[in-house]
């Protein structure tokens, strides 16, 4: 093994607009920028293998799981190409991002070629399954069954990576696999308070993310009801994103702008124009958008469920609400001027500074080294590289 482990990275989402894809692109970019050998295997518009990137086209049989996330039961037809690419690259470790179609391809490569595996946790799939199950009466047993299945999946890995301490501890104990933290970085040059150009008295309540049931976005309507009940009208919602509940929000919020999906500078400008960031989700494992809001100098109100509570210092950079009613009440207090925003804005920005992607991924590469090191004795002899590529 060289100074840097050779990594074959199998991610279920890369070109899409979601947290998994964003983290995957950042990891890929970090490897390229720092000269670390990485083979990126992900879905793309067409099947192609060029040097250190393999893109696989999903078939018409793909099953849409979420916005930009699909599972193709026929993706395994690409396994001969994937195996040849992996053989030629000769990785020391395989990294998979979960039990999606690409994740299973990575596991097959692990089993067939004897390469150690690192598995990262990005989405609470068990909670998503429960929220979308058509029979609420048995949603909890469905969630528990999904959780147990996920633990069996993650038990296969030599090392796991989790986005928050709560999940790290759970996975380590229940999957019986050593698990390290893999938090998320922030681009503090793009997301910055200096982009703010507003000077009016309206309090802008912001949200960025998918507009789906598991994001609990209907709570935003409850926030507005609480504002109106308190006699407050000096507010406006800015809701960035798209999804099945966008029209519901448009029809049920009186004072709201819904510009759809924004990226790059327009997204950074939108963050900077907000006064408080509302994130009602109870299923998120981390919350990249919360970190981006804080970097923009925007305090956040989050729920006490999931990973977002680890990102907000209650009463300093925002608030952590234990109930829906408390979530709405905190928003009312901010709009009413009960909590001075300037010190919270400064504290939010200070928290974000120094949380770089580079620091996050240095820790990930340490995990790669550990996974390759502890498993090398148990692996079969190193495979021979393929003699030619298949296009």
Protein backbone atom coordinates (compact mmCIF):
# COMPACT_ATOMS: atom_id res chain seq x y z
CA UNK A 1 0.00 0.00 0.00
CA UNK A 2 1.28 3.48 -0.89
CA UNK A 3 1.17 6.52 1.39
CA UNK A 4 -2.51 6.86 0.50
CA UNK A 5 -4.77 3.79 0.31
CA UNK A 6 -6.22 3.12 -3.13
CA UNK A 7 -10.01 3.52 -2.81
CA UNK A 8 -12.82 2.25 -5.04
CA UNK A 9 -15.77 4.50 -4.17
CA UNK A 10 -19.27 3.18 -4.96
CA UNK A 11 -21.93 5.83 -4.41
CA UNK A 12 -25.67 5.53 -5.07
CA UNK A 13 -26.02 9.23 -5.86
CA UNK A 14 -23.51 11.54 -7.52
CA UNK A 15 -24.95 13.92 -10.13
CA UNK A 16 -28.18 14.59 -8.21
CA UNK A 17 -29.32 17.34 -5.81
CA UNK A 18 -29.22 15.75 -2.36
CA UNK A 19 -26.89 15.33 0.59
CA UNK A 20 -25.43 11.98 -0.53
CA UNK A 21 -24.56 13.34 -3.99
CA UNK A 22 -23.08 16.54 -2.56
CA UNK A 23 -20.88 14.64 -0.11
CA UNK A 24 -19.86 12.18 -2.83
CA UNK A 25 -18.78 14.96 -5.18
CA UNK A 26 -16.84 16.64 -2.40
CA UNK A 27 -15.01 13.40 -1.55
CA UNK A 28 -14.20 12.79 -5.22
CA UNK A 29 -12.94 16.36 -5.60
CA UNK A 30 -10.81 16.11 -2.47
CA UNK A 31 -9.11 12.97 -3.77
CA UNK A 32 -8.35 14.59 -7.14
CA UNK A 33 -7.12 17.80 -5.55
CA UNK A 34 -4.79 16.07 -3.10
CA UNK A 35 -3.49 13.38 -5.43
CA UNK A 36 -5.10 10.39 -3.70
CA UNK A 37 -5.89 7.37 -5.90
CA UNK A 38 -9.67 6.95 -6.12
CA UNK A 39 -11.86 5.05 -8.57
CA UNK A 40 -15.35 6.61 -8.57
CA UNK A 41 -18.18 4.25 -9.58
CA UNK A 42 -21.61 5.86 -9.87
CA UNK A 43 -24.70 6.18 -12.06
CA UNK A 44 -24.55 8.50 -15.07
CA UNK A 45 -26.32 9.40 -18.31
CA UNK A 46 -24.45 6.67 -20.20
CA UNK A 47 -22.21 3.73 -19.42
CA UNK A 48 -18.56 4.69 -19.71
CA UNK A 49 -15.19 3.85 -18.18
CA UNK A 50 -12.49 6.46 -18.47
CA UNK A 51 -9.34 6.17 -16.34
CA UNK A 52 -10.53 6.59 -12.73
CA UNK A 53 -14.28 7.08 -13.30
CA UNK A 54 -16.91 4.46 -14.10
CA UNK A 55 -20.41 5.71 -14.92
CA UNK A 56 -23.24 3.21 -15.26
CA UNK A 57 -26.51 3.94 -17.02
CA UNK A 58 -29.56 2.74 -15.13
CA UNK A 59 -32.19 0.89 -17.17
CA UNK A 60 -35.87 1.66 -17.70
CA UNK A 61 -36.57 -0.92 -15.00
CA UNK A 62 -35.18 1.42 -12.34
CA UNK A 63 -37.41 2.09 -9.35
CA UNK A 64 -37.62 5.72 -8.23
CA UNK A 65 -37.04 5.81 -4.48
CA UNK A 66 -36.85 9.58 -4.07
CA UNK A 67 -36.06 12.74 -6.02
CA UNK A 68 -32.85 11.88 -7.87
CA UNK A 69 -32.45 8.47 -6.18
CA UNK A 70 -33.30 5.20 -7.90
CA UNK A 71 -32.65 1.48 -7.58
CA UNK A 72 -32.08 -0.45 -10.79
CA UNK A 73 -32.49 -4.24 -10.34
CA UNK A 74 -30.82 -4.69 -13.74
CA UNK A 75 -27.72 -2.66 -12.86
CA UNK A 76 -25.94 -5.92 -12.11
CA UNK A 77 -25.61 -6.42 -15.86
CA UNK A 78 -22.66 -4.02 -15.60
CA UNK A 79 -20.78 -6.24 -13.13
CA UNK A 80 -18.26 -7.58 -15.69
CA UNK A 81 -17.24 -4.01 -16.57
CA UNK A 82 -17.11 -3.00 -12.92
CA UNK A 83 -15.01 -6.01 -11.98
CA UNK A 84 -12.51 -5.33 -14.76
CA UNK A 85 -12.21 -1.67 -13.74
CA UNK A 86 -11.68 -2.65 -10.10
CA UNK A 87 -9.12 -5.32 -11.02
CA UNK A 88 -7.13 -2.83 -13.06
CA UNK A 89 -7.31 -0.14 -10.37
CA UNK A 90 -6.30 -2.61 -7.59
CA UNK A 91 -7.87 -0.81 -4.61
CA UNK A 92 -6.84 -1.42 -1.03
CA UNK A 93 -10.37 -0.71 0.17
CA UNK A 94 -13.90 -0.32 -1.22
CA UNK A 95 -16.17 2.44 0.12
CA UNK A 96 -19.94 2.06 -0.32
CA UNK A 97 -22.53 4.68 0.65
CA UNK A 98 -25.38 2.33 1.53
CA UNK A 99 -27.57 -0.58 0.42
CA UNK A 100 -28.49 0.86 -2.99
CA UNK A 101 -27.80 -0.69 -6.37
CA UNK A 102 -24.25 0.73 -6.52
CA UNK A 103 -23.64 -0.34 -2.95
CA UNK A 104 -24.50 -3.92 -3.82
CA UNK A 105 -22.15 -3.81 -6.80
CA UNK A 106 -19.42 -2.72 -4.41
CA UNK A 107 -20.23 -5.61 -2.08
CA UNK A 108 -20.09 -8.10 -4.95
CA UNK A 109 -16.62 -6.77 -5.81
CA UNK A 110 -15.69 -7.19 -2.14
CA UNK A 111 -16.86 -10.80 -2.06
CA UNK A 112 -15.34 -11.79 -5.39
CA UNK A 113 -12.02 -10.03 -5.03
CA UNK A 114 -11.47 -10.04 -1.28
CA UNK A 115 -11.18 -6.28 -0.83
CA UNK A 116 -11.97 -4.75 2.60
CA UNK A 117 -15.10 -2.58 2.80
CA UNK A 118 -15.91 0.73 4.50
CA UNK A 119 -19.64 1.55 4.60
CA UNK A 120 -20.90 5.06 5.31
CA UNK A 121 -24.38 5.93 6.62
CA UNK A 122 -26.11 8.87 4.94
CA UNK A 123 -29.88 8.38 5.18
CA UNK A 124 -32.22 7.00 7.84
CA UNK A 125 -33.86 4.62 5.39
CA UNK A 126 -35.78 2.84 8.16
CA UNK A 127 -37.53 6.08 9.14
CA UNK A 128 -38.24 6.96 5.51
CA UNK A 129 -39.84 3.53 5.03
CA UNK A 130 -42.06 3.99 8.07
CA UNK A 131 -43.25 7.44 6.99
CA UNK A 132 -44.14 6.24 3.51
CA UNK A 133 -45.73 2.94 4.51
CA UNK A 134 -49.42 2.96 3.51
CA UNK A 135 -50.63 1.31 6.76
CA UNK A 136 -49.76 3.63 9.69
CA UNK A 137 -50.85 1.03 12.25
CA UNK A 138 -47.86 -1.18 11.44
CA UNK A 139 -45.41 1.54 10.46
CA UNK A 140 -43.38 1.04 13.64
CA UNK A 141 -42.82 -2.70 13.10
CA UNK A 142 -41.83 -1.90 9.51
CA UNK A 143 -39.31 0.64 10.79
CA UNK A 144 -37.86 -1.85 13.28
CA UNK A 145 -37.58 -4.56 10.63
CA UNK A 146 -35.80 -2.16 8.26
CA UNK A 147 -33.41 -1.14 11.03
CA UNK A 148 -32.48 -4.74 11.78
CA UNK A 149 -31.93 -5.40 8.07
CA UNK A 150 -29.68 -2.35 7.81
CA UNK A 151 -27.63 -3.55 10.79
CA UNK A 152 -27.06 -6.88 9.03
CA UNK A 153 -25.94 -5.00 5.92
CA UNK A 154 -23.50 -2.73 7.77
CA UNK A 155 -22.14 -5.68 9.74
CA UNK A 156 -20.45 -6.84 6.52
CA UNK A 157 -18.04 -3.88 6.56
CA UNK A 158 -14.65 -3.76 8.28
CA UNK A 159 -15.34 -0.15 9.28
CA UNK A 160 -18.41 2.11 9.23
CA UNK A 161 -18.76 5.88 9.04
CA UNK A 162 -21.66 7.79 10.61
CA UNK A 163 -22.62 11.49 10.41
CA UNK A 164 -23.38 12.07 14.09
CA UNK A 165 -22.42 10.65 17.47
CA UNK A 166 -25.85 9.18 18.17
CA UNK A 167 -25.78 7.06 15.01
CA UNK A 168 -22.09 6.26 15.43
CA UNK A 169 -22.74 4.69 18.81
CA UNK A 170 -25.86 2.79 17.66
CA UNK A 171 -24.21 1.33 14.57
CA UNK A 172 -21.07 0.33 16.44
CA UNK A 173 -23.08 -1.54 19.08
CA UNK A 174 -25.83 -3.09 16.96
CA UNK A 175 -23.89 -3.80 13.76
CA UNK A 176 -20.91 -4.89 15.86
CA UNK A 177 -18.59 -2.94 13.57
CA UNK A 178 -16.04 -0.27 14.56
CA UNK A 179 -17.61 3.06 13.54
CA UNK A 180 -16.08 6.51 13.18
CA UNK A 181 -17.58 9.95 12.71
CA UNK A 182 -17.83 11.37 9.21
CA UNK A 183 -19.36 14.79 9.60
CA UNK A 184 -19.76 17.25 6.73
CA UNK A 185 -17.73 20.25 5.65
CA UNK A 186 -18.86 23.69 4.52
CA UNK A 187 -17.72 25.99 1.74
CA UNK A 188 -17.40 29.13 3.84
CA UNK A 189 -16.22 31.15 0.85
CA UNK A 190 -19.43 30.50 -1.08
CA UNK A 191 -21.78 30.58 1.91
CA UNK A 192 -21.04 33.84 3.69
CA UNK A 193 -22.92 36.73 5.36
CA UNK A 194 -21.19 39.16 2.98
CA UNK A 195 -23.72 38.18 0.32
CA UNK A 196 -26.55 39.72 2.32
CA UNK A 197 -28.04 42.75 0.55
CA UNK A 198 -31.34 43.18 2.39
CA UNK A 199 -32.01 46.08 4.75
CA UNK A 200 -35.81 45.98 5.16
CA UNK A 201 -37.69 45.16 8.35
CA UNK A 202 -39.35 41.96 7.11
CA UNK A 203 -38.19 38.82 8.91
CA UNK A 204 -37.41 36.14 6.31
CA UNK A 205 -37.99 32.58 7.49
CA UNK A 206 -35.98 30.26 5.26
CA UNK A 207 -35.94 26.61 4.29
CA UNK A 208 -33.72 24.76 1.79
CA UNK A 209 -34.19 21.12 0.86
CA UNK A 210 -36.50 18.59 -0.68
CA UNK A 211 -40.20 19.24 -0.17
CA UNK A 212 -41.18 15.71 0.80
CA UNK A 213 -43.24 14.17 3.65
CA UNK A 214 -40.17 12.84 5.49
CA UNK A 215 -38.85 16.42 5.72
CA UNK A 216 -41.92 17.35 7.82
CA UNK A 217 -42.34 20.56 5.79
CA UNK A 218 -46.03 20.89 6.62
CA UNK A 219 -44.87 22.13 10.03
CA UNK A 220 -44.06 25.41 8.27
CA UNK A 221 -47.80 26.04 7.94
CA UNK A 222 -48.14 25.53 11.69
CA UNK A 223 -45.41 28.12 12.19
CA UNK A 224 -47.36 30.61 10.11
CA UNK A 225 -50.54 29.89 12.07
CA UNK A 226 -48.67 30.66 15.29
CA UNK A 227 -47.33 33.90 13.81
CA UNK A 228 -50.80 35.02 12.75
CA UNK A 229 -52.24 34.06 16.12
CA UNK A 230 -49.62 36.28 17.77
CA UNK A 231 -50.65 39.19 15.53
CA UNK A 232 -47.37 39.16 13.59
CA UNK A 233 -47.37 39.95 9.88
CA UNK A 234 -43.83 41.32 9.36
CA UNK A 235 -42.52 38.00 8.02
CA UNK A 236 -42.11 36.10 4.79
CA UNK A 237 -41.13 32.51 4.03
CA UNK A 238 -38.41 31.75 1.49
CA UNK A 239 -38.66 28.06 0.63
CA UNK A 240 -35.95 26.78 -1.72
CA UNK A 241 -36.37 23.32 -3.22
CA UNK A 242 -38.81 21.07 -5.00
CA UNK A 243 -40.83 17.96 -4.31
CA UNK A 244 -44.29 16.49 -3.96
CA UNK A 245 -45.38 18.98 -1.27
CA UNK A 246 -44.39 22.16 -3.05
CA UNK A 247 -47.93 22.85 -4.26
CA UNK A 248 -49.35 22.07 -0.83
CA UNK A 249 -47.06 24.70 0.67
CA UNK A 250 -47.92 27.18 -2.05
CA UNK A 251 -51.62 26.70 -1.28
CA UNK A 252 -51.33 26.71 2.51
CA UNK A 253 -48.88 29.54 3.21
CA UNK A 254 -50.10 33.12 2.89
CA UNK A 255 -46.74 34.89 2.70
CA UNK A 256 -44.20 32.72 0.94
CA UNK A 257 -41.83 32.68 -2.02
CA UNK A 258 -41.04 29.28 -3.55
CA UNK A 259 -38.35 29.79 -6.24
CA UNK A 260 -37.67 26.07 -6.73
CA UNK A 261 -34.21 24.52 -6.76
CA UNK A 262 -31.26 26.94 -6.57
CA UNK A 263 -27.56 26.14 -6.89
CA UNK A 264 -24.24 27.94 -6.55
CA UNK A 265 -24.29 31.72 -6.15
CA UNK A 266 -28.12 32.07 -6.35
CA UNK A 267 -28.43 29.56 -3.49
CA UNK A 268 -25.77 31.35 -1.43
CA UNK A 269 -27.56 34.66 -2.03
CA UNK A 270 -30.82 33.10 -0.87
CA UNK A 271 -29.26 31.88 2.38
CA UNK A 272 -27.73 35.29 3.08
CA UNK A 273 -31.11 36.99 2.61
CA UNK A 274 -32.69 34.88 5.37
CA UNK A 275 -33.03 35.97 8.99
CA UNK A 276 -33.68 32.55 10.51
CA UNK A 277 -33.46 29.07 9.02
CA UNK A 278 -36.25 26.59 9.78
CA UNK A 279 -35.48 22.87 9.47
CA UNK A 280 -38.47 20.83 10.67
CA UNK A 281 -37.16 17.39 9.62
CA UNK A 282 -37.01 14.65 12.24
CA UNK A 283 -35.33 12.06 9.98
CA UNK A 284 -32.10 13.74 8.83
CA UNK A 285 -28.80 12.24 9.89
CA UNK A 286 -26.84 15.49 9.60
CA UNK A 287 -28.25 18.46 7.71
CA UNK A 288 -25.85 19.98 5.17
CA UNK A 289 -28.27 22.83 4.59
CA UNK A 290 -28.18 23.77 8.28
CA UNK A 291 -24.40 24.08 8.16
CA UNK A 292 -24.66 26.20 5.00
CA UNK A 293 -27.21 28.48 6.68
CA UNK A 294 -25.01 28.90 9.76
CA UNK A 295 -22.03 29.69 7.53
CA UNK A 296 -24.20 32.39 5.94
CA UNK A 297 -24.74 33.93 9.37
CA UNK A 298 -28.30 32.63 9.69
CA UNK A 299 -29.32 31.07 13.04
CA UNK A 300 -31.38 27.89 12.75
CA UNK A 301 -34.36 26.31 14.48
CA UNK A 302 -34.22 22.51 14.34
CA UNK A 303 -35.97 19.57 15.97
CA UNK A 304 -34.47 17.42 18.71
CA UNK A 305 -34.72 14.28 16.57
CA UNK A 306 -31.86 13.08 14.39
CA UNK A 307 -28.55 14.71 13.55
CA UNK A 308 -29.46 18.43 13.22
CA UNK A 309 -29.56 18.90 17.01
CA UNK A 310 -25.79 18.33 17.06
CA UNK A 311 -25.22 21.30 14.74
CA UNK A 312 -27.06 23.98 16.72
CA UNK A 313 -26.05 25.43 20.07
CA UNK A 314 -29.38 26.07 21.73
CA UNK A 315 -29.85 29.75 22.50
CA UNK A 316 -26.54 30.70 20.87
CA UNK A 317 -26.61 29.77 17.16
CA UNK A 318 -30.32 28.99 17.08
CA UNK A 319 -32.73 26.74 18.93
CA UNK A 320 -33.40 23.01 19.32
CA UNK A 321 -37.12 22.35 19.73
CA UNK A 322 -38.46 19.22 21.41
CA UNK A 323 -42.04 19.60 20.12
CA UNK A 324 -43.81 21.07 17.10
CA UNK A 325 -45.39 23.69 19.34
CA UNK A 326 -42.01 24.75 20.70
CA UNK A 327 -40.60 24.87 17.16
CA UNK A 328 -43.34 27.30 16.12
CA UNK A 329 -43.01 29.31 19.33
CA UNK A 330 -39.29 29.88 18.78
CA UNK A 331 -40.06 31.27 15.34
CA UNK A 332 -42.70 33.56 16.86
CA UNK A 333 -40.19 34.83 19.43
CA UNK A 334 -37.63 35.66 16.73
CA UNK A 335 -40.14 37.48 14.52
CA UNK A 336 -41.38 39.36 17.60
CA UNK A 337 -37.83 40.52 18.33
CA UNK A 338 -37.45 38.68 21.63
CA UNK A 339 -34.05 37.27 20.63
CA UNK A 340 -31.52 39.77 19.22
CA UNK A 341 -30.30 38.39 15.92
CA UNK A 342 -26.88 40.09 15.48
CA UNK A 343 -25.07 38.09 18.21
CA UNK A 344 -26.69 34.87 16.99
CA UNK A 345 -25.65 35.63 13.42
CA UNK A 346 -22.05 36.21 14.52
CA UNK A 347 -22.01 33.02 16.60
CA UNK A 348 -23.42 31.00 13.70
CA UNK A 349 -20.69 32.19 11.36
CA UNK A 350 -17.98 31.57 13.97
CA UNK A 351 -19.21 27.99 14.42
CA UNK A 352 -18.95 27.33 10.69
CA UNK A 353 -15.46 28.69 10.17
CA UNK A 354 -12.86 25.95 10.19
CA UNK A 355 -15.33 23.14 9.40
CA UNK A 356 -13.70 22.30 6.11
CA UNK A 357 -14.26 19.29 3.87
CA UNK A 358 -10.52 18.69 3.91
CA UNK A 359 -10.54 18.12 7.67
CA UNK A 360 -13.50 15.73 7.35
CA UNK A 361 -11.88 13.66 4.61
CA UNK A 362 -8.51 13.42 6.36
CA UNK A 363 -10.42 11.47 9.01
CA UNK A 364 -12.07 9.32 6.35
CA UNK A 365 -8.68 8.38 4.89
CA UNK A 366 -7.57 7.36 8.37
CA UNK A 367 -10.56 5.00 8.43
CA UNK A 368 -9.54 3.61 5.03
CA UNK A 369 -6.05 2.85 6.37
CA UNK A 370 -7.52 1.07 9.39
CA UNK A 371 -9.94 -1.00 7.30
CA UNK A 372 -7.21 -2.11 4.91
CA UNK A 373 -4.75 -2.80 7.73
CA UNK A 374 -6.94 -4.93 9.98
CA UNK A 375 -8.24 -7.03 7.08
CA UNK A 376 -5.13 -7.66 5.02
CA UNK A 377 -4.31 -10.95 6.74
CA UNK A 378 -7.80 -12.30 6.11
CA UNK A 379 -7.87 -11.40 2.42
CA UNK A 380 -6.96 -13.86 -0.33
CA UNK A 381 -3.84 -13.18 -2.43
CA UNK A 382 -3.99 -9.95 -4.41
CA UNK A 383 -5.77 -10.39 -7.70
CA UNK A 384 -4.05 -9.85 -11.02
CA UNK A 385 -5.03 -6.74 -12.97
CA UNK A 386 -7.21 -7.17 -16.03
CA UNK A 387 -5.28 -7.20 -19.29
CA UNK A 388 -7.66 -4.92 -21.16
CA UNK A 389 -10.66 -2.63 -20.72
CA UNK A 390 -14.17 -3.25 -21.96
CA UNK A 391 -15.97 -0.20 -23.26
